[in-house]
Amino acid sequence: MKKLLLLALLALALVSCGEATYTPTTTGSTPTAQATIAPTQAPTPTGGPYKVGDTVGTADGFDITVNSVSTSQGADYETPPQGDQYLVLDVSVKNISGQVQQVNPLDFTLIDSTGQHMTWTIVSGLPGVTSYDMTALQPGATDRGSLVYEVPLGKASYQLSFAINQFSGTQTLWNIHS
């Protein structure tokens, strides 16, 4: 149920990320409006890609570290679909700006070698995993937690992208190996 709600919210967010333009057209003698959605540009990298263990200062005022990467087959009541595994990324985010800032797991995106973007998976029962939750970070404060993604079984290379403002045109990338 949580996944369906997350997918619905994600779909709504993606639809709202484009710019809508309305072009009036005329059909017979009755003018009509036609909506088109212009896709937003993908953010451009600001540096890197970095590696696991690197602490990276972002243009948005954060120091971010991908502390470790592991895989999991799940737990008793929480398992990935057959043929998949959980990729667990332990991350720390420190607010180095002078103001309170929001950080959300949706600010992170996992990108596979084909360019497919994956959003985090909500898990609550994986042993030793504390999910990274949306938080308001005070200046100088650090938050730590795990981002979990469903990925195909086996070894693969990914990139983790952080872009707190998808409209700013900047992102920070880390190379991730499962």
C-alpha atoms as a PDB file:
ATOM      1  CA  MET A   1       0.000   0.000   0.000  1.00  0.00           C
ATOM      2  CA  LYS A   2       2.857   2.385   0.863  1.00  0.00           C
ATOM      3  CA  LYS A   3       4.488   1.703  -2.496  1.00  0.00           C
ATOM      4  CA  LEU A   4       1.278   2.470  -4.386  1.00  0.00           C
ATOM      5  CA  LEU A   5       0.886   5.749  -2.511  1.00  0.00           C
ATOM      6  CA  LEU A   6       4.536   6.621  -3.163  1.00  0.00           C
ATOM      7  CA  LEU A   7       4.180   5.801  -6.857  1.00  0.00           C
ATOM      8  CA  ALA A   8       1.052   7.956  -7.127  1.00  0.00           C
ATOM      9  CA  LEU A   9       2.799  10.875  -5.412  1.00  0.00           C
ATOM     10  CA  LEU A  10       5.877  10.399  -7.590  1.00  0.00           C
ATOM     11  CA  ALA A  11       3.768  10.381 -10.756  1.00  0.00           C
ATOM     12  CA  LEU A  12       2.044  13.576  -9.650  1.00  0.00           C
ATOM     13  CA  ALA A  13       5.396  15.188  -8.879  1.00  0.00           C
ATOM     14  CA  LEU A  14       6.817  14.199 -12.268  1.00  0.00           C
ATOM     15  CA  VAL A  15       3.825  15.581 -14.110  1.00  0.00           C
ATOM     16  CA  SER A  16       4.142  18.865 -12.232  1.00  0.00           C
ATOM     17  CA  CYS A  17       7.853  19.144 -13.091  1.00  0.00           C
ATOM     18  CA  GLY A  18       7.156  20.043 -16.711  1.00  0.00           C
ATOM     19  CA  GLU A  19       6.088  23.437 -17.971  1.00  0.00           C
ATOM     20  CA  ALA A  20       2.603  23.580 -19.408  1.00  0.00           C
ATOM     21  CA  THR A  21       1.930  25.805 -22.365  1.00  0.00           C
ATOM     22  CA  TYR A  22      -1.443  26.355 -23.893  1.00  0.00           C
ATOM     23  CA  THR A  23      -1.799  27.009 -27.586  1.00  0.00           C
ATOM     24  CA  PRO A  24      -5.187  28.199 -28.799  1.00  0.00           C
ATOM     25  CA  THR A  25      -6.382  26.426 -31.943  1.00  0.00           C
ATOM     26  CA  THR A  26      -9.487  26.761 -33.996  1.00  0.00           C
ATOM     27  CA  THR A  27     -11.652  23.794 -34.938  1.00  0.00           C
ATOM     28  CA  GLY A  28     -14.343  24.903 -37.356  1.00  0.00           C
ATOM     29  CA  SER A  29     -15.689  28.096 -35.797  1.00  0.00           C
ATOM     30  CA  THR A  30     -15.059  27.177 -32.148  1.00  0.00           C
ATOM     31  CA  PRO A  31     -11.655  28.071 -30.643  1.00  0.00           C
ATOM     32  CA  THR A  32     -10.147  25.374 -28.397  1.00  0.00           C
ATOM     33  CA  ALA A  33      -7.054  25.219 -26.184  1.00  0.00           C
ATOM     34  CA  GLN A  34      -4.426  22.537 -26.597  1.00  0.00           C
ATOM     35  CA  ALA A  35      -2.054  21.768 -23.709  1.00  0.00           C
ATOM     36  CA  THR A  36       1.480  20.556 -24.236  1.00  0.00           C
ATOM     37  CA  ILE A  37       3.991  19.624 -21.555  1.00  0.00           C
ATOM     38  CA  ALA A  38       7.575  20.744 -22.127  1.00  0.00           C
ATOM     39  CA  PRO A  39      10.035  18.532 -20.213  1.00  0.00           C
ATOM     40  CA  THR A  40      12.359  20.250 -17.782  1.00  0.00           C
ATOM     41  CA  GLN A  41      16.077  20.003 -18.383  1.00  0.00           C
ATOM     42  CA  ALA A  42      18.003  17.430 -16.362  1.00  0.00           C
ATOM     43  CA  PRO A  43      20.419  19.024 -13.897  1.00  0.00           C
ATOM     44  CA  THR A  44      24.040  19.173 -15.008  1.00  0.00           C
ATOM     45  CA  PRO A  45      26.752  17.689 -12.786  1.00  0.00           C
ATOM     46  CA  THR A  46      28.683  20.122 -10.583  1.00  0.00           C
ATOM     47  CA  GLY A  47      31.638  17.834 -10.082  1.00  0.00           C
ATOM     48  CA  GLY A  48      32.621  14.251  -9.667  1.00  0.00           C
ATOM     49  CA  PRO A  49      31.516  11.646  -9.955  1.00  0.00           C
ATOM     50  CA  TYR A  50      32.823  11.023  -6.474  1.00  0.00           C
ATOM     51  CA  LYS A  51      33.382   7.707  -4.719  1.00  0.00           C
ATOM     52  CA  VAL A  52      31.937   6.097  -1.606  1.00  0.00           C
ATOM     53  CA  GLY A  53      33.563   7.677   1.457  1.00  0.00           C
ATOM     54  CA  ASP A  54      34.100  11.102  -0.157  1.00  0.00           C
ATOM     55  CA  THR A  55      32.556  14.051   1.659  1.00  0.00           C
ATOM     56  CA  VAL A  56      31.346  16.481  -0.959  1.00  0.00           C
ATOM     57  CA  GLY A  57      30.269  20.091  -0.491  1.00  0.00           C
ATOM     58  CA  THR A  58      27.284  20.886  -2.691  1.00  0.00           C
ATOM     59  CA  ALA A  59      26.245  24.195  -4.234  1.00  0.00           C
ATOM     60  CA  ASP A  60      23.126  24.043  -2.042  1.00  0.00           C
ATOM     61  CA  GLY A  61      25.056  24.286   1.243  1.00  0.00           C
ATOM     62  CA  PHE A  62      25.447  20.653   2.297  1.00  0.00           C
ATOM     63  CA  ASP A  63      28.354  18.321   3.013  1.00  0.00           C
ATOM     64  CA  ILE A  64      27.215  14.869   1.887  1.00  0.00           C
ATOM     65  CA  THR A  65      28.989  11.567   2.449  1.00  0.00           C
ATOM     66  CA  VAL A  66      27.989   8.185   1.062  1.00  0.00           C
ATOM     67  CA  ASN A  67      29.385   6.229   4.022  1.00  0.00           C
ATOM     68  CA  SER A  68      28.852   2.684   2.749  1.00  0.00           C
ATOM     69  CA  VAL A  69      27.032   0.508   0.227  1.00  0.00           C
ATOM     70  CA  SER A  70      25.578  -2.955   0.862  1.00  0.00           C
ATOM     71  CA  THR A  71      22.961  -5.275  -0.569  1.00  0.00           C
ATOM     72  CA  SER A  72      20.134  -7.111   1.157  1.00  0.00           C
ATOM     73  CA  GLN A  73      17.681  -9.838   0.251  1.00  0.00           C
ATOM     74  CA  GLY A  74      15.225  -8.360   2.723  1.00  0.00           C
ATOM     75  CA  ALA A  75      13.735  -9.688   5.930  1.00  0.00           C
ATOM     76  CA  ASP A  76      10.787 -11.856   6.968  1.00  0.00           C
ATOM     77  CA  TYR A  77       7.978  -9.640   5.710  1.00  0.00           C
ATOM     78  CA  GLU A  78       9.904  -7.247   3.514  1.00  0.00           C
ATOM     79  CA  THR A  79      11.601  -8.711   0.475  1.00  0.00           C
ATOM     80  CA  PRO A  80      12.316  -7.339  -2.990  1.00  0.00           C
ATOM     81  CA  PRO A  81      10.556  -8.902  -5.988  1.00  0.00           C
ATOM     82  CA  GLN A  82      12.089 -12.113  -7.344  1.00  0.00           C
ATOM     83  CA  GLY A  83      15.219 -11.318  -9.369  1.00  0.00           C
ATOM     84  CA  ASP A  84      15.864  -8.102  -7.432  1.00  0.00           C
ATOM     85  CA  GLN A  85      17.783  -7.123  -4.324  1.00  0.00           C
ATOM     86  CA  TYR A  86      17.892  -4.082  -2.093  1.00  0.00           C
ATOM     87  CA  LEU A  87      20.828  -1.733  -2.584  1.00  0.00           C
ATOM     88  CA  VAL A  88      21.358   0.056   0.745  1.00  0.00           C
ATOM     89  CA  LEU A  89      23.279   3.349   0.759  1.00  0.00           C
ATOM     90  CA  ASP A  90      24.224   4.761   4.169  1.00  0.00           C
ATOM     91  CA  VAL A  91      24.436   8.564   3.763  1.00  0.00           C
ATOM     92  CA  SER A  92      25.218  11.536   6.006  1.00  0.00           C
ATOM     93  CA  VAL A  93      24.049  15.049   5.189  1.00  0.00           C
ATOM     94  CA  LYS A  94      25.396  18.083   7.085  1.00  0.00           C
ATOM     95  CA  ASN A  95      23.890  21.543   6.690  1.00  0.00           C
ATOM     96  CA  ILE A  96      26.827  23.915   6.150  1.00  0.00           C
ATOM     97  CA  SER A  97      24.660  26.902   5.242  1.00  0.00           C
ATOM     98  CA  GLY A  98      23.612  29.531   7.732  1.00  0.00           C
ATOM     99  CA  GLN A  99      19.915  28.672   7.542  1.00  0.00           C
ATOM    100  CA  VAL A 100      17.511  25.799   8.199  1.00  0.00           C
ATOM    101  CA  GLN A 101      17.257  23.580   5.095  1.00  0.00           C
ATOM    102  CA  GLN A 102      14.934  20.731   4.120  1.00  0.00           C
ATOM    103  CA  VAL A 103      16.415  17.446   2.886  1.00  0.00           C
ATOM    104  CA  ASN A 104      14.241  14.731   1.400  1.00  0.00           C
ATOM    105  CA  PRO A 105      15.077  11.199   0.183  1.00  0.00           C
ATOM    106  CA  LEU A 106      13.561  12.266  -3.147  1.00  0.00           C
ATOM    107  CA  ASP A 107      16.488  14.694  -3.522  1.00  0.00           C
ATOM    108  CA  PHE A 108      18.548  11.548  -4.215  1.00  0.00           C
ATOM    109  CA  THR A 109      18.171   9.496  -7.399  1.00  0.00           C
ATOM    110  CA  LEU A 110      19.944   6.268  -8.346  1.00  0.00           C
ATOM    111  CA  ILE A 111      20.848   6.075 -12.045  1.00  0.00           C
ATOM    112  CA  ASP A 112      21.740   2.788 -13.755  1.00  0.00           C
ATOM    113  CA  SER A 113      24.121   2.300 -16.695  1.00  0.00           C
ATOM    114  CA  THR A 114      21.271   2.760 -19.198  1.00  0.00           C
ATOM    115  CA  GLY A 115      20.297   6.128 -17.692  1.00  0.00           C
ATOM    116  CA  GLN A 116      17.173   4.841 -15.925  1.00  0.00           C
ATOM    117  CA  HIS A 117      16.391   6.915 -12.812  1.00  0.00           C
ATOM    118  CA  MET A 118      15.215   5.084  -9.690  1.00  0.00           C
ATOM    119  CA  THR A 119      13.670   6.566  -6.578  1.00  0.00           C
ATOM    120  CA  TRP A 120      14.145   5.175  -3.100  1.00  0.00           C
ATOM    121  CA  THR A 121      12.104   2.287  -1.769  1.00  0.00           C
ATOM    122  CA  ILE A 122      10.252   2.561   1.518  1.00  0.00           C
ATOM    123  CA  VAL A 123      11.367  -0.185   3.896  1.00  0.00           C
ATOM    124  CA  SER A 124      10.749  -0.443   7.601  1.00  0.00           C
ATOM    125  CA  GLY A 125      11.831  -3.899   8.674  1.00  0.00           C
ATOM    126  CA  LEU A 126      15.367  -4.417   7.373  1.00  0.00           C
ATOM    127  CA  PRO A 127      17.745  -5.295  10.216  1.00  0.00           C
ATOM    128  CA  GLY A 128      20.351  -2.608  10.843  1.00  0.00           C
ATOM    129  CA  VAL A 129      18.759  -0.164   8.394  1.00  0.00           C
ATOM    130  CA  THR A 130      17.429   3.202   9.539  1.00  0.00           C
ATOM    131  CA  SER A 131      15.666   4.854   6.611  1.00  0.00           C
ATOM    132  CA  TYR A 132      16.670   8.363   5.671  1.00  0.00           C
ATOM    133  CA  ASP A 133      13.606  10.515   6.285  1.00  0.00           C
ATOM    134  CA  MET A 134      12.717  14.021   5.225  1.00  0.00           C
ATOM    135  CA  THR A 135      14.050  16.448   7.783  1.00  0.00           C
ATOM    136  CA  ALA A 136      14.640  20.117   8.470  1.00  0.00           C
ATOM    137  CA  LEU A 137      18.334  20.463   9.233  1.00  0.00           C
ATOM    138  CA  GLN A 138      19.456  23.307  11.474  1.00  0.00           C
ATOM    139  CA  PRO A 139      22.702  25.076  10.508  1.00  0.00           C
ATOM    140  CA  GLY A 140      25.618  22.800  11.406  1.00  0.00           C
ATOM    141  CA  ALA A 141      23.365  19.766  12.048  1.00  0.00           C
ATOM    142  CA  THR A 142      23.974  16.338  10.484  1.00  0.00           C
ATOM    143  CA  ASP A 143      21.402  13.688   9.608  1.00  0.00           C
ATOM    144  CA  ARG A 144      22.304  10.084   8.799  1.00  0.00           C
ATOM    145  CA  GLY A 145      20.240   7.243   7.402  1.00  0.00           C
ATOM    146  CA  SER A 146      19.895   4.705   4.623  1.00  0.00           C
ATOM    147  CA  LEU A 147      18.532   5.133   1.126  1.00  0.00           C
ATOM    148  CA  VAL A 148      17.210   1.807  -0.174  1.00  0.00           C
ATOM    149  CA  TYR A 149      16.659   1.015  -3.856  1.00  0.00           C
ATOM    150  CA  GLU A 150      15.303  -2.102  -5.588  1.00  0.00           C
ATOM    151  CA  VAL A 151      17.854  -3.191  -8.211  1.00  0.00           C
ATOM    152  CA  PRO A 152      18.415  -6.364 -10.265  1.00  0.00           C
ATOM    153  CA  LEU A 153      20.419  -9.151  -8.605  1.00  0.00           C
ATOM    154  CA  GLY A 154      24.132  -9.229  -9.278  1.00  0.00           C
ATOM    155  CA  LYS A 155      26.958  -6.772  -9.476  1.00  0.00           C
ATOM    156  CA  ALA A 156      26.276  -3.526 -11.293  1.00  0.00           C
ATOM    157  CA  SER A 157      27.454   0.066 -11.460  1.00  0.00           C
ATOM    158  CA  TYR A 158      25.223   3.011 -10.668  1.00  0.00           C
ATOM    159  CA  GLN A 159      25.477   6.705  -9.963  1.00  0.00           C
ATOM    160  CA  LEU A 160      23.786   8.401  -7.040  1.00  0.00           C
ATOM    161  CA  SER A 161      22.599  11.908  -7.864  1.00  0.00           C
ATOM    162  CA  PHE A 162      21.807  14.620  -5.316  1.00  0.00           C
ATOM    163  CA  ALA A 163      19.898  17.668  -6.506  1.00  0.00           C
ATOM    164  CA  ILE A 164      17.930  19.448  -3.798  1.00  0.00           C
ATOM    165  CA  ASN A 165      16.431  21.828  -6.317  1.00  0.00           C
ATOM    166  CA  GLN A 166      15.655  20.116  -9.603  1.00  0.00           C
ATOM    167  CA  PHE A 167      15.211  23.545 -11.196  1.00  0.00           C
ATOM    168  CA  SER A 168      18.636  24.887 -10.176  1.00  0.00           C
ATOM    169  CA  GLY A 169      20.381  22.949 -12.944  1.00  0.00           C
ATOM    170  CA  THR A 170      23.033  21.423 -10.654  1.00  0.00           C
ATOM    171  CA  GLN A 171      23.562  17.944  -9.259  1.00  0.00           C
ATOM    172  CA  THR A 172      26.300  16.054  -7.432  1.00  0.00           C
ATOM    173  CA  LEU A 173      27.162  12.473  -8.465  1.00  0.00           C
ATOM    174  CA  TRP A 174      28.777   9.480  -6.726  1.00  0.00           C
ATOM    175  CA  ASN A 175      29.809   6.202  -8.376  1.00  0.00           C
ATOM    176  CA  ILE A 176      28.091   3.275  -6.654  1.00  0.00           C
ATOM    177  CA  HIS A 177      28.940  -0.396  -7.142  1.00  0.00           C
ATOM    178  CA  SER A 178      26.634  -3.131  -5.837  1.00  0.00           C
END
